[in-house]
Amino acid sequence: MIGFLTVFAAALSGYADIGVWAIAASALALAALSQAEYGFLYKRAREGGHVDAAQSTAMHSLANALLASGGAYVAGLALRLL
């Protein structure tokens, strides 16, 4: 639910034309939620010797958060322009 509200806030930011920094703030919030939920798995992977896999997964999570936040922002901006 918190993740949905974060993406919704990014869309509202685009609609209100707040600024592009809202994408980064929303992406960081989504990445922090992912870390809070799956952080123990990252830790287990690092302790098990899978450091590259854990780091790659964390970076992919951040990239997905950026894509979701950016898409929501652009959708809100497009809705404003309609």
C-alpha atoms as a PDB file:
ATOM      1  CA  MET A   1       0.000   0.000   0.000  1.00  0.00           C
ATOM      2  CA  ILE A   2       2.824   2.396   0.813  1.00  0.00           C
ATOM      3  CA  GLY A   3       4.442   1.647  -2.553  1.00  0.00           C
ATOM      4  CA  PHE A   4       1.207   2.490  -4.333  1.00  0.00           C
ATOM      5  CA  LEU A   5       0.948   5.771  -2.442  1.00  0.00           C
ATOM      6  CA  THR A   6       4.525   6.590  -3.388  1.00  0.00           C
ATOM      7  CA  VAL A   7       3.829   6.047  -7.086  1.00  0.00           C
ATOM      8  CA  PHE A   8       0.571   7.991  -6.763  1.00  0.00           C
ATOM      9  CA  ALA A   9       2.506  10.862  -5.163  1.00  0.00           C
ATOM     10  CA  ALA A  10       4.875  10.844  -8.147  1.00  0.00           C
ATOM     11  CA  ALA A  11       1.887  11.070 -10.494  1.00  0.00           C
ATOM     12  CA  LEU A  12       0.423  13.941  -8.480  1.00  0.00           C
ATOM     13  CA  SER A  13       3.797  15.669  -8.605  1.00  0.00           C
ATOM     14  CA  GLY A  14       3.750  15.434 -12.377  1.00  0.00           C
ATOM     15  CA  TYR A  15       0.197  16.714 -12.477  1.00  0.00           C
ATOM     16  CA  ALA A  16       1.105  19.658 -10.251  1.00  0.00           C
ATOM     17  CA  ASP A  17       4.320  20.241 -12.255  1.00  0.00           C
ATOM     18  CA  ILE A  18       6.355  20.298  -9.043  1.00  0.00           C
ATOM     19  CA  GLY A  19       9.696  19.398 -10.546  1.00  0.00           C
ATOM     20  CA  VAL A  20      11.747  16.528 -11.830  1.00  0.00           C
ATOM     21  CA  TRP A  21      13.355  16.040  -8.403  1.00  0.00           C
ATOM     22  CA  ALA A  22      10.084  14.375  -7.337  1.00  0.00           C
ATOM     23  CA  ILE A  23      11.049  11.390  -9.513  1.00  0.00           C
ATOM     24  CA  ALA A  24      14.249  10.894  -7.535  1.00  0.00           C
ATOM     25  CA  ALA A  25      12.471  11.310  -4.203  1.00  0.00           C
ATOM     26  CA  SER A  26       9.817   8.783  -5.155  1.00  0.00           C
ATOM     27  CA  ALA A  27      12.404   6.347  -6.507  1.00  0.00           C
ATOM     28  CA  LEU A  28      14.412   6.552  -3.294  1.00  0.00           C
ATOM     29  CA  ALA A  29      11.269   5.908  -1.285  1.00  0.00           C
ATOM     30  CA  LEU A  30      10.443   2.836  -3.390  1.00  0.00           C
ATOM     31  CA  ALA A  31      13.998   1.537  -3.125  1.00  0.00           C
ATOM     32  CA  ALA A  32      13.928   2.029   0.649  1.00  0.00           C
ATOM     33  CA  LEU A  33      10.669   0.074   0.844  1.00  0.00           C
ATOM     34  CA  SER A  34      12.242  -2.732  -1.159  1.00  0.00           C
ATOM     35  CA  GLN A  35      15.276  -2.744   1.136  1.00  0.00           C
ATOM     36  CA  ALA A  36      13.048  -2.821   4.210  1.00  0.00           C
ATOM     37  CA  GLU A  37      11.046  -5.739   2.860  1.00  0.00           C
ATOM     38  CA  TYR A  38      13.801  -7.829   1.272  1.00  0.00           C
ATOM     39  CA  GLY A  39      16.920  -6.610   3.066  1.00  0.00           C
ATOM     40  CA  PHE A  40      17.366  -9.888   4.894  1.00  0.00           C
ATOM     41  CA  LEU A  41      17.622 -11.706   1.557  1.00  0.00           C
ATOM     42  CA  TYR A  42      20.348  -9.325   0.373  1.00  0.00           C
ATOM     43  CA  LYS A  43      22.221  -9.947   3.608  1.00  0.00           C
ATOM     44  CA  ARG A  44      21.910 -13.727   3.271  1.00  0.00           C
ATOM     45  CA  ALA A  45      23.128 -13.568  -0.331  1.00  0.00           C
ATOM     46  CA  ARG A  46      26.184 -11.502   0.661  1.00  0.00           C
ATOM     47  CA  GLU A  47      26.992 -13.837   3.541  1.00  0.00           C
ATOM     48  CA  GLY A  48      26.629 -16.820   1.220  1.00  0.00           C
ATOM     49  CA  GLY A  49      29.237 -15.464  -1.161  1.00  0.00           C
ATOM     50  CA  HIS A  50      26.856 -14.087  -3.787  1.00  0.00           C
ATOM     51  CA  VAL A  51      27.947 -10.479  -3.471  1.00  0.00           C
ATOM     52  CA  ASP A  52      27.673  -9.730  -7.194  1.00  0.00           C
ATOM     53  CA  ALA A  53      24.165 -11.172  -7.402  1.00  0.00           C
ATOM     54  CA  ALA A  54      23.017  -9.222  -4.338  1.00  0.00           C
ATOM     55  CA  GLN A  55      24.477  -5.973  -5.665  1.00  0.00           C
ATOM     56  CA  SER A  56      23.007  -6.554  -9.117  1.00  0.00           C
ATOM     57  CA  THR A  57      19.594  -7.228  -7.625  1.00  0.00           C
ATOM     58  CA  ALA A  58      19.757  -4.051  -5.545  1.00  0.00           C
ATOM     59  CA  MET A  59      20.722  -1.985  -8.609  1.00  0.00           C
ATOM     60  CA  HIS A  60      17.917  -3.541 -10.653  1.00  0.00           C
ATOM     61  CA  SER A  61      15.504  -2.697  -7.852  1.00  0.00           C
ATOM     62  CA  LEU A  62      16.630   0.928  -7.933  1.00  0.00           C
ATOM     63  CA  ALA A  63      16.311   0.999 -11.728  1.00  0.00           C
ATOM     64  CA  ASN A  64      12.779  -0.387 -11.512  1.00  0.00           C
ATOM     65  CA  ALA A  65      11.927   2.242  -8.906  1.00  0.00           C
ATOM     66  CA  LEU A  66      13.249   4.973 -11.216  1.00  0.00           C
ATOM     67  CA  LEU A  67      11.218   3.623 -14.127  1.00  0.00           C
ATOM     68  CA  ALA A  68       8.027   3.383 -12.068  1.00  0.00           C
ATOM     69  CA  SER A  69       8.459   6.868 -10.617  1.00  0.00           C
ATOM     70  CA  GLY A  70       9.390   8.400 -13.954  1.00  0.00           C
ATOM     71  CA  GLY A  71       6.478   6.747 -15.722  1.00  0.00           C
ATOM     72  CA  ALA A  72       4.028   7.922 -13.079  1.00  0.00           C
ATOM     73  CA  TYR A  73       5.425  11.453 -13.215  1.00  0.00           C
ATOM     74  CA  VAL A  74       5.165  11.585 -17.008  1.00  0.00           C
ATOM     75  CA  ALA A  75       1.637  10.166 -16.880  1.00  0.00           C
ATOM     76  CA  GLY A  76       0.610  12.862 -14.397  1.00  0.00           C
ATOM     77  CA  LEU A  77       2.234  15.519 -16.540  1.00  0.00           C
ATOM     78  CA  ALA A  78       0.449  14.208 -19.646  1.00  0.00           C
ATOM     79  CA  LEU A  79      -2.868  14.204 -17.818  1.00  0.00           C
ATOM     80  CA  ARG A  80      -2.289  17.827 -16.854  1.00  0.00           C
ATOM     81  CA  LEU A  81      -1.636  18.775 -20.468  1.00  0.00           C
ATOM     82  CA  LEU A  82      -4.858  17.157 -21.679  1.00  0.00           C
END
